[in-house]
PDB file of all heavy atoms in Angstrom:
ATOM      1  N   TRP A   1       2.573 -13.572  -3.047  1.00  0.00           N
ATOM      2  CA  TRP A   1       2.954 -12.814  -4.230  1.00  0.00           C
ATOM      3  C   TRP A   1       4.027 -13.554  -5.025  1.00  0.00           C
ATOM      4  O   TRP A   1       4.720 -14.430  -4.506  1.00  0.00           O
ATOM      5  CB  TRP A   1       3.457 -11.423  -3.846  1.00  0.00           C
ATOM      6  CG  TRP A   1       4.599 -11.456  -2.855  1.00  0.00           C
ATOM      7  CD1 TRP A   1       4.490 -11.473  -1.487  1.00  0.00           C
ATOM      8  CD2 TRP A   1       5.999 -11.502  -3.146  1.00  0.00           C
ATOM      9  NE1 TRP A   1       5.739 -11.529  -0.916  1.00  0.00           N
ATOM     10  CE2 TRP A   1       6.682 -11.541  -1.901  1.00  0.00           C
ATOM     11  CE3 TRP A   1       6.734 -11.510  -4.315  1.00  0.00           C
ATOM     12  CZ2 TRP A   1       8.082 -11.595  -1.820  1.00  0.00           C
ATOM     13  CZ3 TRP A   1       8.127 -11.557  -4.239  1.00  0.00           C
ATOM     14  CH2 TRP A   1       8.788 -11.605  -2.996  1.00  0.00           C
ATOM     15  N   ALA A   2       4.125 -13.162  -6.291  1.00  0.00           N
ATOM     16  CA  ALA A   2       5.188 -13.637  -7.176  1.00  0.00           C
ATOM     17  C   ALA A   2       5.645 -12.440  -8.005  1.00  0.00           C
ATOM     18  O   ALA A   2       4.851 -11.560  -8.327  1.00  0.00           O
ATOM     19  CB  ALA A   2       4.683 -14.756  -8.085  1.00  0.00           C
ATOM     20  N   ALA A   3       6.934 -12.419  -8.317  1.00  0.00           N
ATOM     21  CA  ALA A   3       7.495 -11.332  -9.124  1.00  0.00           C
ATOM     22  C   ALA A   3       8.321 -11.918 -10.259  1.00  0.00           C
ATOM     23  O   ALA A   3       9.040 -12.902 -10.079  1.00  0.00           O
ATOM     24  CB  ALA A   3       8.354 -10.405  -8.259  1.00  0.00           C
ATOM     25  N   GLU A   4       8.176 -11.303 -11.408  1.00  0.00           N
ATOM     26  CA  GLU A   4       8.898 -11.730 -12.611  1.00  0.00           C
ATOM     27  C   GLU A   4       9.717 -10.562 -13.136  1.00  0.00           C
ATOM     28  O   GLU A   4       9.184  -9.479 -13.367  1.00  0.00           O
ATOM     29  CB  GLU A   4       7.896 -12.177 -13.676  1.00  0.00           C
ATOM     30  CG  GLU A   4       8.504 -12.493 -15.009  1.00  0.00           C
ATOM     31  CD  GLU A   4       7.461 -12.721 -16.097  1.00  0.00           C
ATOM     32  OE1 GLU A   4       6.275 -12.943 -15.778  1.00  0.00           O
ATOM     33  OE2 GLU A   4       7.849 -12.648 -17.271  1.00  0.00           O
ATOM     34  N   LYS A   5      11.014 -10.785 -13.322  1.00  0.00           N
ATOM     35  CA  LYS A   5      11.856  -9.767 -13.952  1.00  0.00           C
ATOM     36  C   LYS A   5      11.618  -9.851 -15.457  1.00  0.00           C
ATOM     37  O   LYS A   5      11.702 -10.926 -16.048  1.00  0.00           O
ATOM     38  CB  LYS A   5      13.329 -10.005 -13.621  1.00  0.00           C
ATOM     39  CG  LYS A   5      14.222  -8.911 -14.138  1.00  0.00           C
ATOM     40  CD  LYS A   5      15.657  -9.111 -13.685  1.00  0.00           C
ATOM     41  CE  LYS A   5      16.513  -7.969 -14.201  1.00  0.00           C
ATOM     42  NZ  LYS A   5      17.915  -8.145 -13.797  1.00  0.00           N
ATOM     43  N   VAL A   6      11.320  -8.718 -16.058  1.00  0.00           N
ATOM     44  CA  VAL A   6      11.064  -8.674 -17.497  1.00  0.00           C
ATOM     45  C   VAL A   6      12.420  -8.660 -18.200  1.00  0.00           C
ATOM     46  O   VAL A   6      13.231  -7.757 -17.987  1.00  0.00           O
ATOM     47  CB  VAL A   6      10.224  -7.430 -17.880  1.00  0.00           C
ATOM     48  CG1 VAL A   6       9.997  -7.386 -19.383  1.00  0.00           C
ATOM     49  CG2 VAL A   6       8.904  -7.428 -17.120  1.00  0.00           C
ATOM     50  N   GLU A   7      12.661  -9.671 -19.010  1.00  0.00           N
ATOM     51  CA  GLU A   7      13.970  -9.823 -19.657  1.00  0.00           C
ATOM     52  C   GLU A   7      14.008  -9.269 -21.077  1.00  0.00           C
ATOM     53  O   GLU A   7      15.059  -9.174 -21.674  1.00  0.00           O
ATOM     54  CB  GLU A   7      14.369 -11.304 -19.678  1.00  0.00           C
ATOM     55  CG  GLU A   7      14.423 -11.945 -18.310  1.00  0.00           C
ATOM     56  CD  GLU A   7      15.586 -11.476 -17.444  1.00  0.00           C
ATOM     57  OE1 GLU A   7      16.502 -10.800 -17.942  1.00  0.00           O
ATOM     58  OE2 GLU A   7      15.550 -11.788 -16.236  1.00  0.00           O
ATOM     59  N   GLY A   8      12.854  -8.932 -21.634  1.00  0.00           N
ATOM     60  CA  GLY A   8      12.822  -8.398 -22.996  1.00  0.00           C
ATOM     61  C   GLY A   8      11.429  -8.513 -23.567  1.00  0.00           C
ATOM     62  O   GLY A   8      10.512  -9.035 -22.923  1.00  0.00           O
ATOM     63  N   GLY A   9      11.251  -8.002 -24.770  1.00  0.00           N
ATOM     64  CA  GLY A   9       9.953  -8.068 -25.418  1.00  0.00           C
ATOM     65  C   GLY A   9       8.964  -7.109 -24.801  1.00  0.00           C
ATOM     66  O   GLY A   9       9.332  -6.039 -24.329  1.00  0.00           O
ATOM     67  N   VAL A  10       7.705  -7.495 -24.784  1.00  0.00           N
ATOM     68  CA  VAL A  10       6.647  -6.669 -24.204  1.00  0.00           C
ATOM     69  C   VAL A  10       5.990  -7.440 -23.074  1.00  0.00           C
ATOM     70  O   VAL A  10       5.997  -8.669 -23.062  1.00  0.00           O
ATOM     71  CB  VAL A  10       5.586  -6.251 -25.256  1.00  0.00           C
ATOM     72  CG1 VAL A  10       6.207  -5.397 -26.345  1.00  0.00           C
ATOM     73  CG2 VAL A  10       4.907  -7.465 -25.875  1.00  0.00           C
ATOM     74  N   ARG A  11       5.407  -6.714 -22.136  1.00  0.00           N
ATOM     75  CA  ARG A  11       4.744  -7.349 -20.985  1.00  0.00           C
ATOM     76  C   ARG A  11       3.597  -6.464 -20.549  1.00  0.00           C
ATOM     77  O   ARG A  11       3.707  -5.240 -20.569  1.00  0.00           O
ATOM     78  CB  ARG A  11       5.767  -7.503 -19.862  1.00  0.00           C
ATOM     79  CG  ARG A  11       5.339  -8.384 -18.724  1.00  0.00           C
ATOM     80  CD  ARG A  11       5.158  -9.841 -19.191  1.00  0.00           C
ATOM     81  NE  ARG A  11       4.967 -10.706 -18.052  1.00  0.00           N
ATOM     82  CZ  ARG A  11       3.832 -10.795 -17.375  1.00  0.00           C
ATOM     83  NH1 ARG A  11       2.770 -10.091 -17.721  1.00  0.00           N
ATOM     84  NH2 ARG A  11       3.738 -11.604 -16.340  1.00  0.00           N
ATOM     85  N   ASN A  12       2.493  -7.061 -20.176  1.00  0.00           N
ATOM     86  CA  ASN A  12       1.348  -6.290 -19.698  1.00  0.00           C
ATOM     87  C   ASN A  12       0.680  -7.010 -18.543  1.00  0.00           C
ATOM     88  O   ASN A  12       0.945  -8.179 -18.281  1.00  0.00           O
ATOM     89  CB  ASN A  12       0.353  -6.018 -20.832  1.00  0.00           C
ATOM     90  CG  ASN A  12      -0.289  -7.262 -21.392  1.00  0.00           C
ATOM     91  OD1 ASN A  12       0.364  -8.259 -21.645  1.00  0.00           O
ATOM     92  ND2 ASN A  12      -1.595  -7.217 -21.608  1.00  0.00           N
ATOM     93  N   ILE A  13      -0.184  -6.273 -17.847  1.00  0.00           N
ATOM     94  CA  ILE A  13      -1.013  -6.830 -16.781  1.00  0.00           C
ATOM     95  C   ILE A  13      -2.433  -6.335 -17.027  1.00  0.00           C
ATOM     96  O   ILE A  13      -2.632  -5.318 -17.678  1.00  0.00           O
ATOM     97  CB  ILE A  13      -0.532  -6.394 -15.378  1.00  0.00           C
ATOM     98  CG1 ILE A  13      -0.517  -4.868 -15.236  1.00  0.00           C
ATOM     99  CG2 ILE A  13       0.828  -6.992 -15.070  1.00  0.00           C
ATOM    100  CD1 ILE A  13      -0.216  -4.358 -13.843  1.00  0.00           C
ATOM    101  N   SER A  14      -3.406  -7.084 -16.510  1.00  0.00           N
ATOM    102  CA  SER A  14      -4.784  -6.617 -16.638  1.00  0.00           C
ATOM    103  C   SER A  14      -5.754  -7.547 -15.946  1.00  0.00           C
ATOM    104  O   SER A  14      -6.104  -8.585 -16.475  1.00  0.00           O
ATOM    105  CB  SER A  14      -5.179  -6.494 -18.110  1.00  0.00           C
ATOM    106  OG  SER A  14      -6.485  -5.984 -18.209  1.00  0.00           O
ATOM    107  N   ASN A  15      -6.181  -7.183 -14.763  1.00  0.00           N
ATOM    108  CA  ASN A  15      -7.290  -7.829 -14.051  1.00  0.00           C
ATOM    109  C   ASN A  15      -7.233  -9.356 -14.004  1.00  0.00           C
ATOM    110  O   ASN A  15      -8.274 -10.004 -13.971  1.00  0.00           O
ATOM    111  CB  ASN A  15      -8.626  -7.394 -14.653  1.00  0.00           C
ATOM    112  CG  ASN A  15      -8.869  -5.934 -14.451  1.00  0.00           C
ATOM    113  OD1 ASN A  15      -8.097  -5.115 -14.937  1.00  0.00           O
ATOM    114  ND2 ASN A  15      -9.915  -5.577 -13.732  1.00  0.00           N
ATOM    115  N   GLN A  16      -6.069  -9.921 -14.053  1.00  0.00           N
ATOM    116  CA  GLN A  16      -5.905 -11.357 -13.870  1.00  0.00           C
ATOM    117  C   GLN A  16      -4.434 -11.608 -13.579  1.00  0.00           C
ATOM    118  O   GLN A  16      -3.589 -10.786 -13.903  1.00  0.00           O
ATOM    119  CB  GLN A  16      -6.333 -12.146 -15.110  1.00  0.00           C
ATOM    120  CG  GLN A  16      -5.399 -11.961 -16.305  1.00  0.00           C
ATOM    121  CD  GLN A  16      -5.869 -12.715 -17.531  1.00  0.00           C
ATOM    122  OE1 GLN A  16      -7.007 -12.565 -17.948  1.00  0.00           O
ATOM    123  NE2 GLN A  16      -4.999 -13.511 -18.103  1.00  0.00           N
ATOM    124  N   LEU A  17      -4.142 -12.719 -12.957  1.00  0.00           N
ATOM    125  CA  LEU A  17      -2.748 -13.076 -12.741  1.00  0.00           C
ATOM    126  C   LEU A  17      -2.158 -13.526 -14.068  1.00  0.00           C
ATOM    127  O   LEU A  17      -2.805 -14.219 -14.844  1.00  0.00           O
ATOM    128  CB  LEU A  17      -2.646 -14.201 -11.704  1.00  0.00           C
ATOM    129  CG  LEU A  17      -3.164 -13.857 -10.310  1.00  0.00           C
ATOM    130  CD1 LEU A  17      -3.069 -15.066  -9.392  1.00  0.00           C
ATOM    131  CD2 LEU A  17      -2.432 -12.665  -9.716  1.00  0.00           C
ATOM    132  N   SER A  18      -0.922 -13.124 -14.327  1.00  0.00           N
ATOM    133  CA  SER A  18      -0.293 -13.479 -15.601  1.00  0.00           C
ATOM    134  C   SER A  18       1.098 -14.073 -15.444  1.00  0.00           C
ATOM    135  O   SER A  18       1.685 -14.525 -16.413  1.00  0.00           O
ATOM    136  CB  SER A  18      -0.229 -12.241 -16.504  1.00  0.00           C
ATOM    137  OG  SER A  18       0.581 -11.239 -15.907  1.00  0.00           O
ATOM    138  N   ILE A  19       1.635 -14.079 -14.220  1.00  0.00           N
ATOM    139  CA  ILE A  19       2.930 -14.727 -14.001  1.00  0.00           C
ATOM    140  C   ILE A  19       2.667 -16.223 -13.931  1.00  0.00           C
ATOM    141  O   ILE A  19       1.871 -16.692 -13.121  1.00  0.00           O
ATOM    142  CB  ILE A  19       3.590 -14.223 -12.699  1.00  0.00           C
ATOM    143  CG1 ILE A  19       3.939 -12.739 -12.828  1.00  0.00           C
ATOM    144  CG2 ILE A  19       4.835 -15.056 -12.374  1.00  0.00           C
ATOM    145  CD1 ILE A  19       4.468 -12.108 -11.550  1.00  0.00           C
ATOM    146  N   THR A  20       3.348 -16.970 -14.782  1.00  0.00           N
ATOM    147  CA  THR A  20       3.113 -18.414 -14.830  1.00  0.00           C
ATOM    148  C   THR A  20       4.276 -19.140 -14.138  1.00  0.00           C
ATOM    149  O   THR A  20       4.323 -19.195 -12.925  1.00  0.00           O
ATOM    150  CB  THR A  20       2.892 -18.878 -16.277  1.00  0.00           C
ATOM    151  OG1 THR A  20       4.027 -18.515 -17.074  1.00  0.00           O
ATOM    152  CG2 THR A  20       1.638 -18.271 -16.880  1.00  0.00           C
ATOM    153  N   THR A  21       5.212 -19.673 -14.902  1.00  0.00           N
ATOM    154  CA  THR A  21       6.295 -20.484 -14.321  1.00  0.00           C
ATOM    155  C   THR A  21       7.610 -19.716 -14.178  1.00  0.00           C
ATOM    156  O   THR A  21       8.515 -20.185 -13.501  1.00  0.00           O
ATOM    157  CB  THR A  21       6.532 -21.743 -15.166  1.00  0.00           C
ATOM    158  OG1 THR A  21       6.850 -21.360 -16.502  1.00  0.00           O
ATOM    159  CG2 THR A  21       5.283 -22.631 -15.174  1.00  0.00           C
ATOM    160  N   LYS A  22       7.734 -18.561 -14.812  1.00  0.00           N
ATOM    161  CA  LYS A  22       8.949 -17.747 -14.669  1.00  0.00           C
ATOM    162  C   LYS A  22       8.759 -16.839 -13.461  1.00  0.00           C
ATOM    163  O   LYS A  22       8.188 -15.760 -13.551  1.00  0.00           O
ATOM    164  CB  LYS A  22       9.230 -16.921 -15.928  1.00  0.00           C
ATOM    165  CG  LYS A  22      10.539 -16.136 -15.823  1.00  0.00           C
ATOM    166  CD  LYS A  22      10.747 -15.229 -17.023  1.00  0.00           C
ATOM    167  CE  LYS A  22      12.016 -14.436 -16.966  1.00  0.00           C
ATOM    168  NZ  LYS A  22      12.256 -13.671 -15.761  1.00  0.00           N
ATOM    169  N   ILE A  23       9.236 -17.300 -12.334  1.00  0.00           N
ATOM    170  CA  ILE A  23       9.113 -16.554 -11.082  1.00  0.00           C
ATOM    171  C   ILE A  23      10.521 -16.269 -10.589  1.00  0.00           C
ATOM    172  O   ILE A  23      11.294 -17.190 -10.317  1.00  0.00           O
ATOM    173  CB  ILE A  23       8.310 -17.359 -10.037  1.00  0.00           C
ATOM    174  CG1 ILE A  23       6.914 -17.664 -10.575  1.00  0.00           C
ATOM    175  CG2 ILE A  23       8.262 -16.604  -8.715  1.00  0.00           C
ATOM    176  CD1 ILE A  23       6.117 -18.622  -9.704  1.00  0.00           C
ATOM    177  N   ASP A  24      10.861 -14.992 -10.493  1.00  0.00           N
ATOM    178  CA  ASP A  24      12.211 -14.614 -10.077  1.00  0.00           C
ATOM    179  C   ASP A  24      12.305 -14.292  -8.591  1.00  0.00           C
ATOM    180  O   ASP A  24      13.382 -14.383  -8.005  1.00  0.00           O
ATOM    181  CB  ASP A  24      12.695 -13.428 -10.920  1.00  0.00           C
ATOM    182  CG  ASP A  24      12.796 -13.811 -12.383  1.00  0.00           C
ATOM    183  OD1 ASP A  24      13.575 -14.725 -12.696  1.00  0.00           O
ATOM    184  OD2 ASP A  24      12.069 -13.225 -13.209  1.00  0.00           O
ATOM    185  N   ARG A  25      11.206 -13.895  -7.995  1.00  0.00           N
ATOM    186  CA  ARG A  25      11.112 -13.696  -6.550  1.00  0.00           C
ATOM    187  C   ARG A  25       9.713 -14.121  -6.127  1.00  0.00           C
ATOM    188  O   ARG A  25       8.768 -13.990  -6.905  1.00  0.00           O
ATOM    189  CB  ARG A  25      11.341 -12.219  -6.182  1.00  0.00           C
ATOM    190  CG  ARG A  25      12.772 -11.753  -6.411  1.00  0.00           C
ATOM    191  CD  ARG A  25      12.998 -10.324  -5.975  1.00  0.00           C
ATOM    192  NE  ARG A  25      12.639 -10.120  -4.576  1.00  0.00           N
ATOM    193  CZ  ARG A  25      12.547  -8.905  -4.010  1.00  0.00           C
ATOM    194  NH1 ARG A  25      12.785  -7.807  -4.713  1.00  0.00           N
ATOM    195  NH2 ARG A  25      12.213  -8.775  -2.743  1.00  0.00           N
ATOM    196  N   GLU A  26       9.582 -14.599  -4.902  1.00  0.00           N
ATOM    197  CA  GLU A  26       8.267 -15.056  -4.450  1.00  0.00           C
ATOM    198  C   GLU A  26       8.157 -14.973  -2.933  1.00  0.00           C
ATOM    199  O   GLU A  26       9.165 -14.941  -2.221  1.00  0.00           O
ATOM    200  CB  GLU A  26       8.012 -16.493  -4.895  1.00  0.00           C
ATOM    201  CG  GLU A  26       8.950 -17.501  -4.260  1.00  0.00           C
ATOM    202  CD  GLU A  26       8.847 -18.877  -4.873  1.00  0.00           C
ATOM    203  OE1 GLU A  26       9.027 -19.014  -6.094  1.00  0.00           O
ATOM    204  OE2 GLU A  26       8.584 -19.828  -4.109  1.00  0.00           O
ATOM    205  N   HIS A  27       6.927 -14.946  -2.452  1.00  0.00           N
ATOM    206  CA  HIS A  27       6.673 -15.019  -1.019  1.00  0.00           C
ATOM    207  C   HIS A  27       7.291 -16.332  -0.522  1.00  0.00           C
ATOM    208  O   HIS A  27       7.139 -17.368  -1.165  1.00  0.00           O
ATOM    209  CB  HIS A  27       5.158 -15.000  -0.763  1.00  0.00           C
ATOM    210  CG  HIS A  27       4.811 -14.948   0.677  1.00  0.00           C
ATOM    211  ND1 HIS A  27       4.845 -16.065   1.491  1.00  0.00           N
ATOM    212  CD2 HIS A  27       4.415 -13.916   1.457  1.00  0.00           C
ATOM    213  CE1 HIS A  27       4.490 -15.728   2.713  1.00  0.00           C
ATOM    214  NE2 HIS A  27       4.222 -14.422   2.726  1.00  0.00           N
ATOM    215  N   PRO A  28       7.978 -16.310   0.620  1.00  0.00           N
ATOM    216  CA  PRO A  28       8.667 -17.520   1.076  1.00  0.00           C
ATOM    217  C   PRO A  28       7.749 -18.719   1.323  1.00  0.00           C
ATOM    218  O   PRO A  28       8.202 -19.860   1.295  1.00  0.00           O
ATOM    219  CB  PRO A  28       9.360 -17.085   2.375  1.00  0.00           C
ATOM    220  CG  PRO A  28       8.878 -15.731   2.697  1.00  0.00           C
ATOM    221  CD  PRO A  28       8.206 -15.162   1.492  1.00  0.00           C
TER     222      PRO A  28
END
């Protein structure tokens, strides 16, 4: 898994991975 903290603006998800290089937490 990967987690991204939303820092502003808008964010959505939908039937695909969308976290790219901004990863704030991740599986070790």
